[in-house]
mmCIF file of all heavy atoms, coordinates in Angstrom:
data_MODEL
# 
_entry.id   MODEL 
# 
loop_
_atom_site.group_PDB 
_atom_site.id 
_atom_site.type_symbol 
_atom_site.label_atom_id 
_atom_site.label_alt_id 
_atom_site.label_comp_id 
_atom_site.label_asym_id 
_atom_site.label_entity_id 
_atom_site.label_seq_id 
_atom_site.pdbx_PDB_ins_code 
_atom_site.Cartn_x 
_atom_site.Cartn_y 
_atom_site.Cartn_z 
_atom_site.occupancy 
_atom_site.B_iso_or_equiv 
_atom_site.pdbx_formal_charge 
_atom_site.auth_seq_id 
_atom_site.auth_comp_id 
_atom_site.auth_asym_id 
_atom_site.auth_atom_id 
_atom_site.pdbx_PDB_model_num 
ATOM 1   N N   . TYR A 1 1  ? 5.325   -46.847 -29.127 1.00 0.00 ? 1  TYR A N   1 
ATOM 2   C CA  . TYR A 1 1  ? 4.256   -46.553 -30.065 1.00 0.00 ? 1  TYR A CA  1 
ATOM 3   C C   . TYR A 1 1  ? 2.856   -46.763 -29.507 1.00 0.00 ? 1  TYR A C   1 
ATOM 4   O O   . TYR A 1 1  ? 1.919   -46.098 -29.929 1.00 0.00 ? 1  TYR A O   1 
ATOM 5   C CB  . TYR A 1 1  ? 4.402   -47.437 -31.321 1.00 0.00 ? 1  TYR A CB  1 
ATOM 6   C CG  . TYR A 1 1  ? 5.780   -47.410 -31.905 1.00 0.00 ? 1  TYR A CG  1 
ATOM 7   C CD1 . TYR A 1 1  ? 6.712   -48.410 -31.605 1.00 0.00 ? 1  TYR A CD1 1 
ATOM 8   C CD2 . TYR A 1 1  ? 6.179   -46.371 -32.737 1.00 0.00 ? 1  TYR A CD2 1 
ATOM 9   C CE1 . TYR A 1 1  ? 7.987   -48.384 -32.134 1.00 0.00 ? 1  TYR A CE1 1 
ATOM 10  C CE2 . TYR A 1 1  ? 7.459   -46.332 -33.269 1.00 0.00 ? 1  TYR A CE2 1 
ATOM 11  C CZ  . TYR A 1 1  ? 8.358   -47.342 -32.955 1.00 0.00 ? 1  TYR A CZ  1 
ATOM 12  O OH  . TYR A 1 1  ? 9.623   -47.299 -33.470 1.00 0.00 ? 1  TYR A OH  1 
ATOM 13  N N   . PHE A 1 2  ? 2.729   -47.735 -28.613 1.00 0.00 ? 2  PHE A N   1 
ATOM 14  C CA  . PHE A 1 2  ? 1.411   -48.165 -28.173 1.00 0.00 ? 2  PHE A CA  1 
ATOM 15  C C   . PHE A 1 2  ? 1.307   -48.200 -26.653 1.00 0.00 ? 2  PHE A C   1 
ATOM 16  O O   . PHE A 1 2  ? 2.298   -48.393 -25.956 1.00 0.00 ? 2  PHE A O   1 
ATOM 17  C CB  . PHE A 1 2  ? 1.112   -49.592 -28.680 1.00 0.00 ? 2  PHE A CB  1 
ATOM 18  C CG  . PHE A 1 2  ? 1.128   -49.743 -30.164 1.00 0.00 ? 2  PHE A CG  1 
ATOM 19  C CD1 . PHE A 1 2  ? 2.228   -50.299 -30.816 1.00 0.00 ? 2  PHE A CD1 1 
ATOM 20  C CD2 . PHE A 1 2  ? 0.044   -49.339 -30.930 1.00 0.00 ? 2  PHE A CD2 1 
ATOM 21  C CE1 . PHE A 1 2  ? 2.240   -50.446 -32.192 1.00 0.00 ? 2  PHE A CE1 1 
ATOM 22  C CE2 . PHE A 1 2  ? 0.049   -49.490 -32.308 1.00 0.00 ? 2  PHE A CE2 1 
ATOM 23  C CZ  . PHE A 1 2  ? 1.156   -50.044 -32.938 1.00 0.00 ? 2  PHE A CZ  1 
ATOM 24  N N   . ALA A 1 3  ? 0.089   -48.085 -26.187 1.00 0.00 ? 3  ALA A N   1 
ATOM 25  C CA  . ALA A 1 3  ? -0.229  -48.376 -24.789 1.00 0.00 ? 3  ALA A CA  1 
ATOM 26  C C   . ALA A 1 3  ? -0.731  -49.820 -24.754 1.00 0.00 ? 3  ALA A C   1 
ATOM 27  O O   . ALA A 1 3  ? -1.200  -50.352 -25.756 1.00 0.00 ? 3  ALA A O   1 
ATOM 28  C CB  . ALA A 1 3  ? -1.293  -47.421 -24.271 1.00 0.00 ? 3  ALA A CB  1 
ATOM 29  N N   . PHE A 1 4  ? -0.627  -50.450 -23.610 1.00 0.00 ? 4  PHE A N   1 
ATOM 30  C CA  . PHE A 1 4  ? -1.013  -51.849 -23.435 1.00 0.00 ? 4  PHE A CA  1 
ATOM 31  C C   . PHE A 1 4  ? -2.414  -51.898 -22.861 1.00 0.00 ? 4  PHE A C   1 
ATOM 32  O O   . PHE A 1 4  ? -2.682  -51.353 -21.796 1.00 0.00 ? 4  PHE A O   1 
ATOM 33  C CB  . PHE A 1 4  ? -0.006  -52.514 -22.492 1.00 0.00 ? 4  PHE A CB  1 
ATOM 34  C CG  . PHE A 1 4  ? -0.301  -53.951 -22.194 1.00 0.00 ? 4  PHE A CG  1 
ATOM 35  C CD1 . PHE A 1 4  ? -0.088  -54.929 -23.143 1.00 0.00 ? 4  PHE A CD1 1 
ATOM 36  C CD2 . PHE A 1 4  ? -0.784  -54.313 -20.956 1.00 0.00 ? 4  PHE A CD2 1 
ATOM 37  C CE1 . PHE A 1 4  ? -0.343  -56.253 -22.865 1.00 0.00 ? 4  PHE A CE1 1 
ATOM 38  C CE2 . PHE A 1 4  ? -1.056  -55.632 -20.668 1.00 0.00 ? 4  PHE A CE2 1 
ATOM 39  C CZ  . PHE A 1 4  ? -0.828  -56.614 -21.624 1.00 0.00 ? 4  PHE A CZ  1 
ATOM 40  N N   . ASP A 1 5  ? -3.338  -52.573 -23.560 1.00 0.00 ? 5  ASP A N   1 
ATOM 41  C CA  . ASP A 1 5  ? -4.721  -52.655 -23.102 1.00 0.00 ? 5  ASP A CA  1 
ATOM 42  C C   . ASP A 1 5  ? -5.014  -53.959 -22.376 1.00 0.00 ? 5  ASP A C   1 
ATOM 43  O O   . ASP A 1 5  ? -5.813  -53.991 -21.461 1.00 0.00 ? 5  ASP A O   1 
ATOM 44  C CB  . ASP A 1 5  ? -5.668  -52.498 -24.293 1.00 0.00 ? 5  ASP A CB  1 
ATOM 45  C CG  . ASP A 1 5  ? -7.101  -52.255 -23.884 1.00 0.00 ? 5  ASP A CG  1 
ATOM 46  O OD1 . ASP A 1 5  ? -7.335  -51.749 -22.774 1.00 0.00 ? 5  ASP A OD1 1 
ATOM 47  O OD2 . ASP A 1 5  ? -8.004  -52.571 -24.682 1.00 0.00 ? 5  ASP A OD2 1 
ATOM 48  N N   . GLY A 1 6  ? -4.372  -55.049 -22.776 1.00 0.00 ? 6  GLY A N   1 
ATOM 49  C CA  . GLY A 1 6  ? -4.614  -56.317 -22.103 1.00 0.00 ? 6  GLY A CA  1 
ATOM 50  C C   . GLY A 1 6  ? -4.047  -57.480 -22.878 1.00 0.00 ? 6  GLY A C   1 
ATOM 51  O O   . GLY A 1 6  ? -3.581  -57.342 -24.009 1.00 0.00 ? 6  GLY A O   1 
ATOM 52  N N   . ILE A 1 7  ? -4.089  -58.646 -22.216 1.00 0.00 ? 7  ILE A N   1 
ATOM 53  C CA  . ILE A 1 7  ? -3.611  -59.882 -22.847 1.00 0.00 ? 7  ILE A CA  1 
ATOM 54  C C   . ILE A 1 7  ? -4.583  -61.004 -22.488 1.00 0.00 ? 7  ILE A C   1 
ATOM 55  O O   . ILE A 1 7  ? -5.105  -61.047 -21.369 1.00 0.00 ? 7  ILE A O   1 
ATOM 56  C CB  . ILE A 1 7  ? -2.167  -60.216 -22.406 1.00 0.00 ? 7  ILE A CB  1 
ATOM 57  C CG1 . ILE A 1 7  ? -1.611  -61.406 -23.179 1.00 0.00 ? 7  ILE A CG1 1 
ATOM 58  C CG2 . ILE A 1 7  ? -2.110  -60.460 -20.904 1.00 0.00 ? 7  ILE A CG2 1 
ATOM 59  C CD1 . ILE A 1 7  ? -0.108  -61.597 -23.002 1.00 0.00 ? 7  ILE A CD1 1 
ATOM 60  N N   . SER A 1 8  ? -4.834  -61.867 -23.445 1.00 0.00 ? 8  SER A N   1 
ATOM 61  C CA  . SER A 1 8  ? -5.676  -63.038 -23.179 1.00 0.00 ? 8  SER A CA  1 
ATOM 62  C C   . SER A 1 8  ? -4.950  -64.266 -23.706 1.00 0.00 ? 8  SER A C   1 
ATOM 63  O O   . SER A 1 8  ? -4.199  -64.194 -24.675 1.00 0.00 ? 8  SER A O   1 
ATOM 64  C CB  . SER A 1 8  ? -7.047  -62.884 -23.824 1.00 0.00 ? 8  SER A CB  1 
ATOM 65  O OG  . SER A 1 8  ? -6.922  -62.807 -25.233 1.00 0.00 ? 8  SER A OG  1 
ATOM 66  N N   . PHE A 1 9  ? -5.189  -65.373 -23.043 1.00 0.00 ? 9  PHE A N   1 
ATOM 67  C CA  . PHE A 1 9  ? -4.575  -66.633 -23.426 1.00 0.00 ? 9  PHE A CA  1 
ATOM 68  C C   . PHE A 1 9  ? -5.678  -67.571 -23.897 1.00 0.00 ? 9  PHE A C   1 
ATOM 69  O O   . PHE A 1 9  ? -6.758  -67.608 -23.319 1.00 0.00 ? 9  PHE A O   1 
ATOM 70  C CB  . PHE A 1 9  ? -3.816  -67.240 -22.244 1.00 0.00 ? 9  PHE A CB  1 
ATOM 71  C CG  . PHE A 1 9  ? -2.688  -66.370 -21.778 1.00 0.00 ? 9  PHE A CG  1 
ATOM 72  C CD1 . PHE A 1 9  ? -2.876  -65.470 -20.744 1.00 0.00 ? 9  PHE A CD1 1 
ATOM 73  C CD2 . PHE A 1 9  ? -1.443  -66.433 -22.385 1.00 0.00 ? 9  PHE A CD2 1 
ATOM 74  C CE1 . PHE A 1 9  ? -1.847  -64.658 -20.314 1.00 0.00 ? 9  PHE A CE1 1 
ATOM 75  C CE2 . PHE A 1 9  ? -0.404  -65.614 -21.964 1.00 0.00 ? 9  PHE A CE2 1 
ATOM 76  C CZ  . PHE A 1 9  ? -0.613  -64.724 -20.925 1.00 0.00 ? 9  PHE A CZ  1 
ATOM 77  N N   . SER A 1 10 ? -5.379  -68.330 -24.947 1.00 0.00 ? 10 SER A N   1 
ATOM 78  C CA  . SER A 1 10 ? -6.394  -69.228 -25.494 1.00 0.00 ? 10 SER A CA  1 
ATOM 79  C C   . SER A 1 10 ? -5.729  -70.405 -26.190 1.00 0.00 ? 10 SER A C   1 
ATOM 80  O O   . SER A 1 10 ? -4.515  -70.436 -26.364 1.00 0.00 ? 10 SER A O   1 
ATOM 81  C CB  . SER A 1 10 ? -7.293  -68.472 -26.471 1.00 0.00 ? 10 SER A CB  1 
ATOM 82  O OG  . SER A 1 10 ? -6.524  -67.974 -27.548 1.00 0.00 ? 10 SER A OG  1 
ATOM 83  N N   . LEU A 1 11 ? -6.560  -71.326 -26.591 1.00 0.00 ? 11 LEU A N   1 
ATOM 84  C CA  . LEU A 1 11 ? -6.122  -72.500 -27.328 1.00 0.00 ? 11 LEU A CA  1 
ATOM 85  C C   . LEU A 1 11 ? -6.367  -72.235 -28.810 1.00 0.00 ? 11 LEU A C   1 
ATOM 86  O O   . LEU A 1 11 ? -7.472  -71.852 -29.205 1.00 0.00 ? 11 LEU A O   1 
ATOM 87  C CB  . LEU A 1 11 ? -6.921  -73.722 -26.869 1.00 0.00 ? 11 LEU A CB  1 
ATOM 88  C CG  . LEU A 1 11 ? -6.473  -75.083 -27.361 1.00 0.00 ? 11 LEU A CG  1 
ATOM 89  C CD1 . LEU A 1 11 ? -5.059  -75.393 -26.878 1.00 0.00 ? 11 LEU A CD1 1 
ATOM 90  C CD2 . LEU A 1 11 ? -7.422  -76.161 -26.859 1.00 0.00 ? 11 LEU A CD2 1 
ATOM 91  N N   . SER A 1 12 ? -5.343  -72.419 -29.626 1.00 0.00 ? 12 SER A N   1 
ATOM 92  C CA  . SER A 1 12 ? -5.493  -72.185 -31.057 1.00 0.00 ? 12 SER A CA  1 
ATOM 93  C C   . SER A 1 12 ? -6.442  -73.212 -31.666 1.00 0.00 ? 12 SER A C   1 
ATOM 94  O O   . SER A 1 12 ? -6.650  -74.295 -31.116 1.00 0.00 ? 12 SER A O   1 
ATOM 95  C CB  . SER A 1 12 ? -4.129  -72.267 -31.752 1.00 0.00 ? 12 SER A CB  1 
ATOM 96  O OG  . SER A 1 12 ? -3.633  -73.590 -31.681 1.00 0.00 ? 12 SER A OG  1 
ATOM 97  N N   . GLN A 1 13 ? -7.019  -72.886 -32.800 1.00 0.00 ? 13 GLN A N   1 
ATOM 98  C CA  . GLN A 1 13 ? -7.947  -73.785 -33.483 1.00 0.00 ? 13 GLN A CA  1 
ATOM 99  C C   . GLN A 1 13 ? -7.250  -75.096 -33.844 1.00 0.00 ? 13 GLN A C   1 
ATOM 100 O O   . GLN A 1 13 ? -7.829  -76.170 -33.700 1.00 0.00 ? 13 GLN A O   1 
ATOM 101 C CB  . GLN A 1 13 ? -8.519  -73.107 -34.739 1.00 0.00 ? 13 GLN A CB  1 
ATOM 102 C CG  . GLN A 1 13 ? -9.575  -73.922 -35.440 1.00 0.00 ? 13 GLN A CG  1 
ATOM 103 C CD  . GLN A 1 13 ? -10.811 -74.155 -34.582 1.00 0.00 ? 13 GLN A CD  1 
ATOM 104 O OE1 . GLN A 1 13 ? -11.163 -73.342 -33.743 1.00 0.00 ? 13 GLN A OE1 1 
ATOM 105 N NE2 . GLN A 1 13 ? -11.471 -75.270 -34.798 1.00 0.00 ? 13 GLN A NE2 1 
ATOM 106 N N   . LYS A 1 14 ? -6.004  -75.016 -34.283 1.00 0.00 ? 14 LYS A N   1 
ATOM 107 C CA  . LYS A 1 14 ? -5.253  -76.221 -34.666 1.00 0.00 ? 14 LYS A CA  1 
ATOM 108 C C   . LYS A 1 14 ? -5.049  -77.134 -33.455 1.00 0.00 ? 14 LYS A C   1 
ATOM 109 O O   . LYS A 1 14 ? -5.263  -78.348 -33.540 1.00 0.00 ? 14 LYS A O   1 
ATOM 110 C CB  . LYS A 1 14 ? -3.903  -75.813 -35.260 1.00 0.00 ? 14 LYS A CB  1 
ATOM 111 C CG  . LYS A 1 14 ? -3.068  -76.961 -35.748 1.00 0.00 ? 14 LYS A CG  1 
ATOM 112 C CD  . LYS A 1 14 ? -1.768  -76.470 -36.354 1.00 0.00 ? 14 LYS A CD  1 
ATOM 113 C CE  . LYS A 1 14 ? -0.890  -77.625 -36.801 1.00 0.00 ? 14 LYS A CE  1 
ATOM 114 N NZ  . LYS A 1 14 ? 0.374   -77.151 -37.369 1.00 0.00 ? 14 LYS A NZ  1 
ATOM 115 N N   . ALA A 1 15 ? -4.660  -76.561 -32.318 1.00 0.00 ? 15 ALA A N   1 
ATOM 116 C CA  . ALA A 1 15 ? -4.454  -77.362 -31.104 1.00 0.00 ? 15 ALA A CA  1 
ATOM 117 C C   . ALA A 1 15 ? -5.776  -77.923 -30.599 1.00 0.00 ? 15 ALA A C   1 
ATOM 118 O O   . ALA A 1 15 ? -5.848  -79.074 -30.154 1.00 0.00 ? 15 ALA A O   1 
ATOM 119 C CB  . ALA A 1 15 ? -3.785  -76.513 -30.026 1.00 0.00 ? 15 ALA A CB  1 
ATOM 120 N N   . ARG A 1 16 ? -6.831  -77.125 -30.663 1.00 0.00 ? 16 ARG A N   1 
ATOM 121 C CA  . ARG A 1 16 ? -8.158  -77.582 -30.225 1.00 0.00 ? 16 ARG A CA  1 
ATOM 122 C C   . ARG A 1 16 ? -8.593  -78.807 -31.045 1.00 0.00 ? 16 ARG A C   1 
ATOM 123 O O   . ARG A 1 16 ? -9.070  -79.800 -30.494 1.00 0.00 ? 16 ARG A O   1 
ATOM 124 C CB  . ARG A 1 16 ? -9.180  -76.454 -30.377 1.00 0.00 ? 16 ARG A CB  1 
ATOM 125 C CG  . ARG A 1 16 ? -10.578 -76.807 -29.913 1.00 0.00 ? 16 ARG A CG  1 
ATOM 126 C CD  . ARG A 1 16 ? -11.576 -75.678 -30.164 1.00 0.00 ? 16 ARG A CD  1 
ATOM 127 N NE  . ARG A 1 16 ? -11.039 -74.360 -29.953 1.00 0.00 ? 16 ARG A NE  1 
ATOM 128 C CZ  . ARG A 1 16 ? -11.074 -73.688 -28.804 1.00 0.00 ? 16 ARG A CZ  1 
ATOM 129 N NH1 . ARG A 1 16 ? -11.643 -74.229 -27.762 1.00 0.00 ? 16 ARG A NH1 1 
ATOM 130 N NH2 . ARG A 1 16 ? -10.558 -72.488 -28.705 1.00 0.00 ? 16 ARG A NH2 1 
ATOM 131 N N   . GLN A 1 17 ? -8.419  -78.751 -32.353 1.00 0.00 ? 17 GLN A N   1 
ATOM 132 C CA  . GLN A 1 17 ? -8.803  -79.862 -33.221 1.00 0.00 ? 17 GLN A CA  1 
ATOM 133 C C   . GLN A 1 17 ? -7.978  -81.098 -32.908 1.00 0.00 ? 17 GLN A C   1 
ATOM 134 O O   . GLN A 1 17 ? -8.519  -82.209 -32.853 1.00 0.00 ? 17 GLN A O   1 
ATOM 135 C CB  . GLN A 1 17 ? -8.645  -79.467 -34.697 1.00 0.00 ? 17 GLN A CB  1 
ATOM 136 C CG  . GLN A 1 17 ? -9.182  -80.503 -35.658 1.00 0.00 ? 17 GLN A CG  1 
ATOM 137 C CD  . GLN A 1 17 ? -10.687 -80.661 -35.532 1.00 0.00 ? 17 GLN A CD  1 
ATOM 138 O OE1 . GLN A 1 17 ? -11.404 -79.718 -35.296 1.00 0.00 ? 17 GLN A OE1 1 
ATOM 139 N NE2 . GLN A 1 17 ? -11.159 -81.879 -35.694 1.00 0.00 ? 17 GLN A NE2 1 
ATOM 140 N N   . ALA A 1 18 ? -6.680  -80.934 -32.674 1.00 0.00 ? 18 ALA A N   1 
ATOM 141 C CA  . ALA A 1 18 ? -5.820  -82.071 -32.354 1.00 0.00 ? 18 ALA A CA  1 
ATOM 142 C C   . ALA A 1 18 ? -6.242  -82.729 -31.047 1.00 0.00 ? 18 ALA A C   1 
ATOM 143 O O   . ALA A 1 18 ? -6.281  -83.961 -30.943 1.00 0.00 ? 18 ALA A O   1 
ATOM 144 C CB  . ALA A 1 18 ? -4.358  -81.622 -32.281 1.00 0.00 ? 18 ALA A CB  1 
ATOM 145 N N   . VAL A 1 19 ? -6.561  -81.927 -30.038 1.00 0.00 ? 19 VAL A N   1 
ATOM 146 C CA  . VAL A 1 19 ? -6.991  -82.468 -28.745 1.00 0.00 ? 19 VAL A CA  1 
ATOM 147 C C   . VAL A 1 19 ? -8.319  -83.197 -28.893 1.00 0.00 ? 19 VAL A C   1 
ATOM 148 O O   . VAL A 1 19 ? -8.496  -84.303 -28.369 1.00 0.00 ? 19 VAL A O   1 
ATOM 149 C CB  . VAL A 1 19 ? -7.088  -81.341 -27.689 1.00 0.00 ? 19 VAL A CB  1 
ATOM 150 C CG1 . VAL A 1 19 ? -7.805  -81.825 -26.441 1.00 0.00 ? 19 VAL A CG1 1 
ATOM 151 C CG2 . VAL A 1 19 ? -5.698  -80.833 -27.336 1.00 0.00 ? 19 VAL A CG2 1 
ATOM 152 N N   . GLN A 1 20 ? -9.259  -82.614 -29.614 1.00 0.00 ? 20 GLN A N   1 
ATOM 153 C CA  . GLN A 1 20 ? -10.556 -83.264 -29.806 1.00 0.00 ? 20 GLN A CA  1 
ATOM 154 C C   . GLN A 1 20 ? -10.407 -84.598 -30.526 1.00 0.00 ? 20 GLN A C   1 
ATOM 155 O O   . GLN A 1 20 ? -10.998 -85.604 -30.131 1.00 0.00 ? 20 GLN A O   1 
ATOM 156 C CB  . GLN A 1 20 ? -11.504 -82.342 -30.574 1.00 0.00 ? 20 GLN A CB  1 
ATOM 157 C CG  . GLN A 1 20 ? -12.006 -81.189 -29.755 1.00 0.00 ? 20 GLN A CG  1 
ATOM 158 C CD  . GLN A 1 20 ? -12.852 -80.211 -30.562 1.00 0.00 ? 20 GLN A CD  1 
ATOM 159 O OE1 . GLN A 1 20 ? -12.811 -80.192 -31.779 1.00 0.00 ? 20 GLN A OE1 1 
ATOM 160 N NE2 . GLN A 1 20 ? -13.605 -79.385 -29.860 1.00 0.00 ? 20 GLN A NE2 1 
ATOM 161 N N   . THR A 1 21 ? -9.591  -84.632 -31.558 1.00 0.00 ? 21 THR A N   1 
ATOM 162 C CA  . THR A 1 21 ? -9.364  -85.871 -32.300 1.00 0.00 ? 21 THR A CA  1 
ATOM 163 C C   . THR A 1 21 ? -8.730  -86.920 -31.399 1.00 0.00 ? 21 THR A C   1 
ATOM 164 O O   . THR A 1 21 ? -9.145  -88.087 -31.389 1.00 0.00 ? 21 THR A O   1 
ATOM 165 C CB  . THR A 1 21 ? -8.475  -85.599 -33.531 1.00 0.00 ? 21 THR A CB  1 
ATOM 166 O OG1 . THR A 1 21 ? -9.140  -84.655 -34.369 1.00 0.00 ? 21 THR A OG1 1 
ATOM 167 C CG2 . THR A 1 21 ? -8.191  -86.872 -34.305 1.00 0.00 ? 21 THR A CG2 1 
ATOM 168 N N   . SER A 1 22 ? -7.747  -86.517 -30.633 1.00 0.00 ? 22 SER A N   1 
ATOM 169 C CA  . SER A 1 22 ? -7.070  -87.430 -29.710 1.00 0.00 ? 22 SER A CA  1 
ATOM 170 C C   . SER A 1 22 ? -8.036  -87.986 -28.669 1.00 0.00 ? 22 SER A C   1 
ATOM 171 O O   . SER A 1 22 ? -8.014  -89.183 -28.367 1.00 0.00 ? 22 SER A O   1 
ATOM 172 C CB  . SER A 1 22 ? -5.912  -86.701 -29.028 1.00 0.00 ? 22 SER A CB  1 
ATOM 173 O OG  . SER A 1 22 ? -5.363  -87.502 -28.012 1.00 0.00 ? 22 SER A OG  1 
ATOM 174 N N   . LEU A 1 23 ? -8.880  -87.133 -28.112 1.00 0.00 ? 23 LEU A N   1 
ATOM 175 C CA  . LEU A 1 23 ? -9.836  -87.582 -27.093 1.00 0.00 ? 23 LEU A CA  1 
ATOM 176 C C   . LEU A 1 23 ? -10.877 -88.541 -27.675 1.00 0.00 ? 23 LEU A C   1 
ATOM 177 O O   . LEU A 1 23 ? -11.247 -89.529 -27.034 1.00 0.00 ? 23 LEU A O   1 
ATOM 178 C CB  . LEU A 1 23 ? -10.522 -86.381 -26.447 1.00 0.00 ? 23 LEU A CB  1 
ATOM 179 C CG  . LEU A 1 23 ? -9.642  -85.528 -25.542 1.00 0.00 ? 23 LEU A CG  1 
ATOM 180 C CD1 . LEU A 1 23 ? -10.393 -84.277 -25.096 1.00 0.00 ? 23 LEU A CD1 1 
ATOM 181 C CD2 . LEU A 1 23 ? -9.147  -86.322 -24.350 1.00 0.00 ? 23 LEU A CD2 1 
ATOM 182 N N   . ILE A 1 24 ? -11.336 -88.273 -28.879 1.00 0.00 ? 24 ILE A N   1 
ATOM 183 C CA  . ILE A 1 24 ? -12.299 -89.167 -29.525 1.00 0.00 ? 24 ILE A CA  1 
ATOM 184 C C   . ILE A 1 24 ? -11.650 -90.518 -29.784 1.00 0.00 ? 24 ILE A C   1 
ATOM 185 O O   . ILE A 1 24 ? -12.240 -91.566 -29.504 1.00 0.00 ? 24 ILE A O   1 
ATOM 186 C CB  . ILE A 1 24 ? -12.860 -88.541 -30.816 1.00 0.00 ? 24 ILE A CB  1 
ATOM 187 C CG1 . ILE A 1 24 ? -13.771 -87.368 -30.469 1.00 0.00 ? 24 ILE A CG1 1 
ATOM 188 C CG2 . ILE A 1 24 ? -13.605 -89.589 -31.653 1.00 0.00 ? 24 ILE A CG2 1 
ATOM 189 C CD1 . ILE A 1 24 ? -14.188 -86.534 -31.667 1.00 0.00 ? 24 ILE A CD1 1 
ATOM 190 N N   . ASP A 1 25 ? -10.409 -90.505 -30.302 1.00 0.00 ? 25 ASP A N   1 
ATOM 191 C CA  . ASP A 1 25 ? -9.705  -91.762 -30.554 1.00 0.00 ? 25 ASP A CA  1 
ATOM 192 C C   . ASP A 1 25 ? -9.517  -92.562 -29.278 1.00 0.00 ? 25 ASP A C   1 
ATOM 193 O O   . ASP A 1 25 ? -9.731  -93.772 -29.241 1.00 0.00 ? 25 ASP A O   1 
ATOM 194 C CB  . ASP A 1 25 ? -8.340  -91.483 -31.200 1.00 0.00 ? 25 ASP A CB  1 
ATOM 195 C CG  . ASP A 1 25 ? -8.460  -90.956 -32.619 1.00 0.00 ? 25 ASP A CG  1 
ATOM 196 O OD1 . ASP A 1 25 ? -9.561  -91.049 -33.215 1.00 0.00 ? 25 ASP A OD1 1 
ATOM 197 O OD2 . ASP A 1 25 ? -7.442  -90.441 -33.144 1.00 0.00 ? 25 ASP A OD2 1 
# 
């Protein structure tokens, strides 16, 4: 159905918040 244009990898908002909280603690 589709052609492939690209893929990107990132950190989800939930994981980002957990890491920030952990680092602050």
